[in-house]
Amino acid sequence: MNTIDLDSTIERSRFGRLHLKVVLLCGLVILFDGYDLTIYGATVPAMIAEFGFGPTTAGLIGSSALLGMMLGAMIFGSIAERLGRRRSIVVCVALYSLFTGIVAIATNPWELAAYRFVAGIGLGGVMPNAVALVAEYAPARLRNTLVSLMFSGYMFGGIAAALIGVGLIPAFGWRSLYLVGALPLLLVPILAVMLPEAPRTLLRRGRVDELRATLRRIDPAVPAVGDIVAAVPDRASSPVSGLFQDGRARTTLLLWTAFFMVLLMIYGLLTWLPQLMIRAGYPLSSSLSFLMTLFVSAIAITWCGGYLADRFGARRVLIVSYLVAALFVALLGALSESSILWVYLAVALGGGTTFAAQIFANALAAQSYPPHARSTGIGWALGVGRVGAIVGPLLGGVLLTADVPLEVNFVAFAVPGVIAAIAVALLRNPQVVEPGREVSPGRRPTAS
């Protein structure tokens, strides 16, 4: 009887149409995710003008989405191990699309906060599952590259939000951006039909014929009949407790530290970079263009870094990325009176590498956990990171209120990058040991 090794079949496969479909569909999901999260900053001034609330209330509304994202990443990262990757992604896309569109009919600030909170749950829940699904279908030699390509959709979404906002807000008002944010509802039936389920989920549920057909699409040499086996570790009694078993506690805590620090940097810079550059003497138009520079450079660095991570290891590339980000973010304060070209270069390398580093961190987390705990591991790392996303804007606000020198503001956002680099340096190289074999239901285990 032939034996089909699930892991080696996928890891040694050549990049093909199925891989491309998974990357494109998940990338499209992440694109709308990036769009949805970015439009709040573009619409805050118009919201304040209409509803008459102050900066504190605006901050609470923004934080409600981040809180929802934290809970969504933890909840859907965990239950996806039972619910399935595809179903989790479909539910999350429907959730964030629906409640983003409902924001357009909000009549007071508290409705805004409630709708943004629920949308945030969907936004947070889709990320770990999209990363895990791409990682589980990717050939081993291209895993970092494909995860990076998929996740760059997030930056494209941010750019789209900025460009669409420039055209729609003056003509149709701030609510129009949220109606556009409901368009992914059209994507839900496409995802439900075209997005493949994770191989492990198919095996666990006994959908062996579907799994075999999927593997034959990846590698036509796969036998038409035979047992399908997959390495699998002893399962934890709880998906979350599994992150601390079998020697994974150290990895989990260090990843949480890195995610917390880099998301603190990202959201601190997203919130305060324009204001800090205005304080440095640049006009508002130039200050906003710094954000666009950040997004564009992040895409280029992500693509190059993903390729390098597959050649030299995600851990090494991530450490270098954190250190480069910290260096150039710190230099921004010192370069404020230098040539504008030097400032743009520092923004591109500092801010762009910070964003790219978070994408590499997702890829590293995907490699650091066995398949049955992968979306849980990524989801909880992102959830803890969202606490950093809340702390970052608060830290910037405290520093601006204290009127500290400009250089201190940028150094404060650079230090977390150094801490993240140290945390990743202390990680062991991701190598999941998976004793035992999981066999397609209805058959006895056979030797591989």
Protein backbone atom coordinates (compact mmCIF):
# COMPACT_ATOMS: atom_id res chain seq x y z
CA MET A 1 0.00 0.00 0.00
CA ASN A 2 1.36 3.44 -0.97
CA THR A 3 1.95 5.98 1.79
CA ILE A 4 1.53 9.68 1.09
CA ASP A 5 3.54 11.91 3.41
CA LEU A 6 1.51 15.10 3.75
CA ASP A 7 4.35 17.25 5.08
CA SER A 8 7.03 16.32 2.58
CA THR A 9 4.59 16.51 -0.35
CA ILE A 10 3.80 20.15 0.46
CA GLU A 11 7.26 21.22 1.57
CA ARG A 12 9.00 19.82 -1.51
CA SER A 13 6.37 20.95 -4.01
CA ARG A 14 6.98 23.43 -6.79
CA PHE A 15 5.15 26.74 -6.77
CA GLY A 16 1.98 26.34 -8.82
CA ARG A 17 -1.57 27.56 -9.39
CA LEU A 18 -2.90 26.36 -6.05
CA HIS A 19 -0.17 28.21 -4.15
CA LEU A 20 -0.85 31.33 -6.23
CA LYS A 21 -4.57 31.14 -5.52
CA VAL A 22 -4.03 30.86 -1.76
CA VAL A 23 -1.58 33.78 -1.72
CA LEU A 24 -3.79 36.03 -3.88
CA LEU A 25 -7.03 35.34 -1.99
CA CYS A 26 -5.43 35.77 1.42
CA GLY A 27 -3.55 38.85 0.14
CA LEU A 28 -6.85 40.37 -1.00
CA VAL A 29 -8.35 39.71 2.43
CA ILE A 30 -5.37 41.42 4.08
CA LEU A 31 -5.59 44.34 1.61
CA PHE A 32 -9.11 45.17 2.76
CA ASP A 33 -7.92 44.61 6.32
CA GLY A 34 -5.25 47.30 5.83
CA TYR A 35 -7.76 49.61 4.15
CA ASP A 36 -10.28 49.25 6.94
CA LEU A 37 -7.83 50.00 9.71
CA THR A 38 -6.27 52.99 7.93
CA ILE A 39 -9.46 54.88 7.05
CA TYR A 40 -10.15 55.85 10.65
CA GLY A 41 -7.23 58.28 10.72
CA ALA A 42 -8.38 59.80 7.42
CA THR A 43 -11.94 60.35 8.67
CA VAL A 44 -11.32 61.54 12.25
CA PRO A 45 -11.23 65.29 11.41
CA ALA A 46 -14.60 65.07 9.61
CA MET A 47 -16.09 62.98 12.43
CA ILE A 48 -14.98 65.54 15.01
CA ALA A 49 -16.50 68.34 12.94
CA GLU A 50 -19.85 66.51 12.63
CA PHE A 51 -20.25 65.10 16.14
CA GLY A 52 -18.30 67.72 18.10
CA PHE A 53 -16.29 65.32 20.27
CA GLY A 54 -12.74 66.02 21.43
CA PRO A 55 -9.38 64.29 20.95
CA THR A 56 -9.90 62.09 24.01
CA THR A 57 -13.12 60.62 22.61
CA ALA A 58 -11.47 60.23 19.20
CA GLY A 59 -8.69 58.27 20.87
CA LEU A 60 -11.20 56.03 22.66
CA ILE A 61 -12.98 55.27 19.39
CA GLY A 62 -9.65 54.40 17.77
CA SER A 63 -8.68 52.22 20.72
CA SER A 64 -11.99 50.33 20.51
CA ALA A 65 -10.95 48.88 17.14
CA LEU A 66 -7.54 47.90 18.53
CA LEU A 67 -9.17 46.22 21.52
CA GLY A 68 -11.45 44.32 19.16
CA MET A 69 -8.44 43.26 17.08
CA MET A 70 -6.66 41.98 20.18
CA LEU A 71 -9.66 39.86 21.17
CA GLY A 72 -10.30 38.73 17.58
CA ALA A 73 -6.72 37.53 17.11
CA MET A 74 -6.83 35.56 20.35
CA ILE A 75 -10.32 34.12 19.87
CA PHE A 76 -10.20 33.19 16.17
CA GLY A 77 -6.55 32.21 16.42
CA SER A 78 -7.59 29.58 18.97
CA ILE A 79 -10.92 28.33 17.66
CA ALA A 80 -9.62 28.00 14.10
CA GLU A 81 -7.89 24.80 15.17
CA ARG A 82 -11.40 23.33 15.52
CA LEU A 83 -13.45 25.56 13.21
CA GLY A 84 -11.00 25.37 10.31
CA ARG A 85 -8.91 28.08 8.63
CA ARG A 86 -11.24 28.71 5.69
CA ARG A 87 -14.40 29.00 7.77
CA SER A 88 -12.63 31.30 10.26
CA ILE A 89 -11.41 33.58 7.46
CA VAL A 90 -14.88 33.71 5.86
CA VAL A 91 -16.57 34.55 9.18
CA CYS A 92 -14.01 37.24 10.00
CA VAL A 93 -14.24 38.88 6.56
CA ALA A 94 -18.04 38.97 6.81
CA LEU A 95 -17.81 40.43 10.31
CA TYR A 96 -15.39 43.26 9.60
CA SER A 97 -17.00 44.13 6.25
CA LEU A 98 -20.52 44.29 7.66
CA PHE A 99 -19.65 46.41 10.68
CA THR A 100 -17.34 48.67 8.71
CA GLY A 101 -20.27 49.43 6.39
CA ILE A 102 -22.59 49.98 9.37
CA VAL A 103 -20.26 52.74 10.62
CA ALA A 104 -21.67 54.83 7.75
CA ILE A 105 -25.06 55.02 9.53
CA ALA A 106 -23.70 55.82 13.01
CA THR A 107 -25.52 58.71 14.74
CA ASN A 108 -23.24 59.33 17.74
CA PRO A 109 -19.66 58.66 18.95
CA TRP A 110 -20.67 55.64 21.05
CA GLU A 111 -22.18 53.89 18.05
CA LEU A 112 -18.93 54.59 16.20
CA ALA A 113 -16.95 52.97 19.02
CA ALA A 114 -19.26 49.93 19.20
CA TYR A 115 -19.23 49.30 15.45
CA ARG A 116 -15.45 49.77 15.25
CA PHE A 117 -14.99 47.34 18.15
CA VAL A 118 -16.95 44.56 16.42
CA ALA A 119 -15.22 45.27 13.10
CA GLY A 120 -11.92 45.03 14.97
CA ILE A 121 -12.76 41.50 16.11
CA GLY A 122 -13.02 40.45 12.47
CA LEU A 123 -9.90 42.39 11.51
CA GLY A 124 -7.87 40.77 14.25
CA GLY A 125 -9.23 37.29 13.63
CA VAL A 126 -8.45 37.13 9.93
CA MET A 127 -4.71 37.85 10.22
CA PRO A 128 -3.40 34.77 12.05
CA ASN A 129 -5.53 32.46 9.92
CA ALA A 130 -4.43 34.01 6.63
CA VAL A 131 -0.78 33.76 7.67
CA ALA A 132 -1.21 30.17 8.88
CA LEU A 133 -3.04 29.05 5.72
CA VAL A 134 -0.38 30.46 3.38
CA ALA A 135 2.39 28.97 5.54
CA GLU A 136 0.76 25.52 5.52
CA TYR A 137 0.48 25.43 1.73
CA ALA A 138 3.84 27.06 0.96
CA PRO A 139 6.84 24.99 -0.15
CA ALA A 140 9.51 25.10 2.56
CA ARG A 141 11.99 27.02 0.40
CA LEU A 142 9.44 29.76 -0.38
CA ARG A 143 7.52 30.02 2.90
CA ASN A 144 8.88 33.41 3.99
CA THR A 145 8.61 34.83 0.49
CA LEU A 146 4.97 33.82 0.06
CA VAL A 147 3.90 34.99 3.53
CA SER A 148 5.65 38.32 2.88
CA LEU A 149 4.00 38.72 -0.52
CA MET A 150 0.59 37.93 0.95
CA PHE A 151 1.01 40.31 3.87
CA SER A 152 2.19 43.18 1.67
CA GLY A 153 -1.48 43.51 0.74
CA TYR A 154 -1.83 45.26 4.10
CA MET A 155 0.39 48.14 2.92
CA PHE A 156 -1.43 48.31 -0.42
CA GLY A 157 -4.64 48.64 1.58
CA GLY A 158 -3.18 51.54 3.55
CA ILE A 159 -2.11 53.30 0.35
CA ALA A 160 -5.54 52.71 -1.20
CA ALA A 161 -7.25 54.20 1.86
CA ALA A 162 -5.16 57.36 1.63
CA LEU A 163 -5.72 57.78 -2.12
CA ILE A 164 -9.45 56.98 -2.04
CA GLY A 165 -9.94 59.28 0.94
CA VAL A 166 -8.47 62.22 -0.97
CA GLY A 167 -11.10 61.78 -3.68
CA LEU A 168 -14.19 60.61 -1.78
CA ILE A 169 -14.22 62.67 1.43
CA PRO A 170 -14.47 66.12 -0.27
CA ALA A 171 -17.09 64.85 -2.74
CA PHE A 172 -19.22 62.45 -0.68
CA GLY A 173 -18.22 62.89 2.95
CA TRP A 174 -16.40 60.64 5.43
CA ARG A 175 -19.17 58.00 5.48
CA SER A 176 -18.42 57.02 1.89
CA LEU A 177 -15.07 55.50 2.91
CA TYR A 178 -16.85 53.11 5.25
CA LEU A 179 -19.32 52.09 2.55
CA VAL A 180 -16.35 51.19 0.36
CA GLY A 181 -15.05 49.19 3.32
CA ALA A 182 -18.15 46.98 3.10
CA LEU A 183 -17.23 45.77 -0.41
CA PRO A 184 -15.41 42.65 0.88
CA LEU A 185 -18.87 41.22 1.58
CA LEU A 186 -18.83 40.44 -2.14
CA LEU A 187 -15.69 38.43 -1.52
CA VAL A 188 -17.30 36.14 1.08
CA PRO A 189 -18.95 33.66 -1.36
CA ILE A 190 -15.78 33.59 -3.48
CA LEU A 191 -13.69 32.70 -0.44
CA ALA A 192 -16.20 30.08 0.67
CA VAL A 193 -15.96 28.34 -2.72
CA MET A 194 -12.41 28.95 -3.94
CA LEU A 195 -10.23 29.16 -0.82
CA PRO A 196 -8.89 25.68 0.02
CA GLU A 197 -9.09 24.38 3.57
CA ALA A 198 -5.89 23.71 5.50
CA PRO A 199 -4.50 20.22 4.76
CA ARG A 200 -4.40 19.24 8.44
CA THR A 201 -8.05 20.16 8.88
CA LEU A 202 -9.05 17.99 5.94
CA LEU A 203 -7.06 15.07 7.35
CA ARG A 204 -8.46 15.51 10.85
CA ARG A 205 -12.05 15.57 9.58
CA GLY A 206 -11.66 12.51 7.43
CA ARG A 207 -12.07 14.35 4.12
CA VAL A 208 -9.37 12.17 2.64
CA ASP A 209 -10.56 12.23 -0.98
CA GLU A 210 -10.60 16.02 -0.99
CA LEU A 211 -7.16 16.12 0.60
CA ARG A 212 -5.75 13.61 -1.88
CA ALA A 213 -7.16 15.64 -4.79
CA THR A 214 -5.58 18.78 -3.32
CA LEU A 215 -2.20 17.08 -2.97
CA ARG A 216 -2.40 15.83 -6.56
CA ARG A 217 -2.91 19.43 -7.69
CA ILE A 218 0.29 20.31 -5.83
CA ASP A 219 2.18 17.26 -7.09
CA PRO A 220 0.67 15.13 -9.90
CA ALA A 221 2.99 12.29 -8.86
CA VAL A 222 0.98 11.73 -5.67
CA PRO A 223 -0.62 8.23 -5.82
CA ALA A 224 -4.37 8.08 -6.47
CA VAL A 225 -4.76 5.69 -3.53
CA GLY A 226 -2.91 5.14 -0.27
CA ASP A 227 -2.67 6.23 3.35
CA ILE A 228 -2.01 9.88 4.06
CA VAL A 229 0.23 10.40 7.08
CA ALA A 230 1.40 13.56 8.84
CA ALA A 231 3.70 14.14 11.76
CA VAL A 232 1.79 15.52 14.72
CA PRO A 233 2.79 16.23 18.35
CA ASP A 234 0.81 15.17 21.40
CA ARG A 235 -2.11 17.56 21.64
CA ALA A 236 -2.49 19.96 24.54
CA SER A 237 -5.63 19.87 26.64
CA SER A 238 -6.18 23.52 25.69
CA PRO A 239 -5.01 25.26 22.49
CA VAL A 240 -3.55 28.15 24.51
CA SER A 241 -1.80 25.93 27.05
CA GLY A 242 -0.19 24.15 24.10
CA LEU A 243 1.87 27.29 23.48
CA PHE A 244 3.71 26.60 26.74
CA GLN A 245 4.17 22.84 26.43
CA ASP A 246 6.91 20.69 24.88
CA GLY A 247 9.55 23.37 25.46
CA ARG A 248 7.60 26.14 23.70
CA ALA A 249 7.21 28.48 26.72
CA ARG A 250 10.48 30.30 26.00
CA THR A 251 9.61 30.72 22.32
CA THR A 252 6.12 31.98 23.14
CA LEU A 253 7.26 34.61 25.67
CA LEU A 254 10.06 35.90 23.44
CA LEU A 255 7.73 36.14 20.44
CA TRP A 256 5.19 38.01 22.55
CA THR A 257 7.91 40.46 23.58
CA ALA A 258 8.96 41.06 19.97
CA PHE A 259 5.36 41.49 18.75
CA PHE A 260 4.55 43.91 21.59
CA MET A 261 7.59 46.06 20.83
CA VAL A 262 7.26 46.24 17.07
CA LEU A 263 3.52 47.02 17.14
CA LEU A 264 4.26 49.75 19.68
CA MET A 265 6.67 51.24 17.13
CA ILE A 266 4.27 50.85 14.21
CA TYR A 267 1.22 52.44 15.81
CA GLY A 268 3.26 55.09 17.56
CA LEU A 269 4.74 56.14 14.21
CA LEU A 270 1.42 55.89 12.36
CA THR A 271 -0.22 58.14 14.92
CA TRP A 272 2.46 60.73 15.57
CA LEU A 273 4.89 60.83 12.61
CA PRO A 274 3.01 63.63 10.79
CA GLN A 275 2.71 65.67 13.99
CA LEU A 276 6.38 65.16 14.88
CA MET A 277 7.50 66.20 11.40
CA ILE A 278 5.29 69.30 11.59
CA ARG A 279 7.02 70.10 14.89
CA ALA A 280 10.34 69.68 13.07
CA GLY A 281 9.27 72.43 10.70
CA TYR A 282 7.82 70.58 7.73
CA PRO A 283 4.41 71.59 6.27
CA LEU A 284 1.40 69.26 6.64
CA SER A 285 1.53 68.17 3.00
CA SER A 286 5.14 67.01 3.36
CA SER A 287 4.37 65.37 6.68
CA LEU A 288 1.56 63.29 5.16
CA SER A 289 3.80 62.31 2.28
CA PHE A 290 6.17 60.79 4.83
CA LEU A 291 3.46 58.23 5.65
CA MET A 292 3.08 57.38 1.96
CA THR A 293 6.86 56.97 1.72
CA LEU A 294 6.71 54.63 4.71
CA PHE A 295 4.06 52.40 3.11
CA VAL A 296 5.74 52.23 -0.31
CA SER A 297 9.16 51.45 1.14
CA ALA A 298 7.61 48.81 3.41
CA ILE A 299 6.31 46.95 0.35
CA ALA A 300 9.72 46.93 -1.34
CA ILE A 301 11.55 45.91 1.86
CA THR A 302 8.98 43.19 2.55
CA TRP A 303 9.43 41.59 -0.86
CA CYS A 304 13.23 41.71 -0.69
CA GLY A 305 13.30 40.61 2.94
CA GLY A 306 11.02 37.65 2.31
CA TYR A 307 13.40 36.38 -0.37
CA LEU A 308 16.42 36.88 1.92
CA ALA A 309 14.62 35.13 4.79
CA ASP A 310 14.20 32.01 2.67
CA ARG A 311 17.92 32.08 1.81
CA PHE A 312 19.42 33.02 5.17
CA GLY A 313 16.66 32.30 7.71
CA ALA A 314 13.75 34.38 8.99
CA ARG A 315 15.36 34.84 12.40
CA ARG A 316 18.52 36.48 11.04
CA VAL A 317 16.63 38.77 8.69
CA LEU A 318 14.24 39.77 11.47
CA ILE A 319 17.06 40.71 13.87
CA VAL A 320 18.69 42.87 11.19
CA SER A 321 15.32 44.46 10.35
CA TYR A 322 14.66 45.43 13.97
CA LEU A 323 18.11 46.97 14.34
CA VAL A 324 17.91 48.89 11.05
CA ALA A 325 14.46 50.17 12.01
CA ALA A 326 15.69 51.30 15.44
CA LEU A 327 18.75 53.03 13.98
CA PHE A 328 16.92 55.08 11.35
CA VAL A 329 13.93 55.93 13.55
CA ALA A 330 16.38 57.30 16.13
CA LEU A 331 18.21 59.25 13.40
CA LEU A 332 14.99 61.01 12.35
CA GLY A 333 15.24 63.39 15.29
CA ALA A 334 18.85 64.28 14.49
CA LEU A 335 18.14 64.70 10.75
CA SER A 336 15.24 67.12 11.20
CA GLU A 337 17.37 70.06 10.00
CA SER A 338 19.18 68.13 7.27
CA SER A 339 18.38 67.85 3.57
CA ILE A 340 14.83 66.66 2.88
CA LEU A 341 16.25 63.75 0.89
CA TRP A 342 18.05 62.42 3.99
CA VAL A 343 14.85 62.72 5.98
CA TYR A 344 12.87 60.77 3.37
CA LEU A 345 15.60 58.12 3.33
CA ALA A 346 15.41 57.78 7.12
CA VAL A 347 11.61 57.52 6.98
CA ALA A 348 11.81 54.92 4.21
CA LEU A 349 14.40 52.76 5.98
CA GLY A 350 13.21 53.34 9.54
CA GLY A 351 9.45 53.26 9.10
CA GLY A 352 9.44 50.89 6.15
CA THR A 353 11.65 48.35 7.89
CA THR A 354 9.50 48.56 11.02
CA PHE A 355 6.42 47.51 9.03
CA ALA A 356 8.33 44.85 7.13
CA ALA A 357 9.72 43.45 10.38
CA GLN A 358 6.22 42.75 11.65
CA ILE A 359 5.51 40.72 8.52
CA PHE A 360 8.74 38.75 8.97
CA ALA A 361 7.74 38.19 12.61
CA ASN A 362 4.46 36.64 11.46
CA ALA A 363 6.40 34.29 9.18
CA LEU A 364 8.77 33.38 12.02
CA ALA A 365 5.86 32.69 14.38
CA ALA A 366 4.27 30.44 11.75
CA GLN A 367 7.47 28.35 11.67
CA SER A 368 7.85 28.27 15.45
CA TYR A 369 4.71 26.23 16.20
CA PRO A 370 3.44 22.85 15.00
CA PRO A 371 0.47 22.98 12.60
CA HIS A 372 -2.17 22.19 15.23
CA ALA A 373 -1.07 25.22 17.30
CA ARG A 374 -0.01 27.55 14.48
CA SER A 375 -2.95 29.94 14.25
CA THR A 376 -3.24 29.94 18.04
CA GLY A 377 0.42 30.91 18.35
CA ILE A 378 0.20 33.65 15.74
CA GLY A 379 -3.15 34.87 17.08
CA TRP A 380 -1.97 35.22 20.67
CA ALA A 381 1.27 36.87 19.60
CA LEU A 382 -0.74 39.39 17.59
CA GLY A 383 -3.16 39.81 20.49
CA VAL A 384 -0.35 40.64 22.92
CA GLY A 385 1.13 42.87 20.23
CA ARG A 386 -2.12 44.85 20.12
CA VAL A 387 -1.44 45.92 23.69
CA GLY A 388 1.74 47.49 22.31
CA ALA A 389 -0.36 49.08 19.56
CA ILE A 390 -2.41 50.79 22.27
CA VAL A 391 0.66 51.81 24.30
CA GLY A 392 2.47 53.35 21.29
CA PRO A 393 0.05 56.24 20.63
CA LEU A 394 -0.29 56.84 24.38
CA LEU A 395 3.50 57.03 24.76
CA GLY A 396 3.75 59.54 21.93
CA GLY A 397 0.98 61.66 23.45
CA VAL A 398 2.70 61.70 26.84
CA LEU A 399 6.01 62.76 25.30
CA LEU A 400 4.39 65.51 23.21
CA THR A 401 2.49 66.80 26.23
CA ALA A 402 5.71 66.83 28.26
CA ASP A 403 7.32 68.87 25.45
CA VAL A 404 10.53 66.83 25.49
CA PRO A 405 13.15 67.51 22.76
CA LEU A 406 12.26 66.13 19.33
CA GLU A 407 15.17 63.69 19.44
CA VAL A 408 13.79 62.08 22.61
CA ASN A 409 10.49 61.29 20.88
CA PHE A 410 12.20 59.34 18.11
CA VAL A 411 14.63 57.59 20.46
CA ALA A 412 11.64 56.47 22.57
CA PHE A 413 10.18 54.73 19.50
CA ALA A 414 13.58 53.29 18.51
CA VAL A 415 14.37 51.57 21.83
CA PRO A 416 11.55 48.97 21.41
CA GLY A 417 13.21 47.88 18.17
CA VAL A 418 16.43 47.06 20.03
CA ILE A 419 14.48 45.13 22.68
CA ALA A 420 12.65 43.18 19.95
CA ALA A 421 15.99 42.33 18.29
CA ILE A 422 17.32 40.99 21.58
CA ALA A 423 14.18 38.90 22.11
CA VAL A 424 14.46 37.31 18.65
CA ALA A 425 18.21 36.77 19.10
CA LEU A 426 17.42 34.72 22.22
CA LEU A 427 15.06 32.50 20.24
CA ARG A 428 16.26 29.12 19.13
CA ASN A 429 16.10 28.54 15.40
CA PRO A 430 12.49 27.54 14.59
CA GLN A 431 12.51 23.78 14.29
CA VAL A 432 9.32 22.06 15.39
CA VAL A 433 9.81 18.49 16.56
CA GLU A 434 6.69 16.48 15.86
CA PRO A 435 6.76 12.95 17.28
CA GLY A 436 4.07 10.48 16.20
CA ARG A 437 2.06 10.23 13.01
CA GLU A 438 -1.47 11.22 12.14
CA VAL A 439 -3.00 8.84 9.61
CA SER A 440 -5.97 9.26 7.30
CA PRO A 441 -9.04 7.91 9.13
CA GLY A 442 -10.19 4.41 8.43
CA ARG A 443 -6.71 3.02 7.78
CA ARG A 444 -4.01 1.50 9.91
CA PRO A 445 -0.69 3.30 10.25
CA THR A 446 1.91 2.14 7.78
CA ALA A 447 5.61 2.73 7.73
CA SER A 448 6.69 5.72 5.75
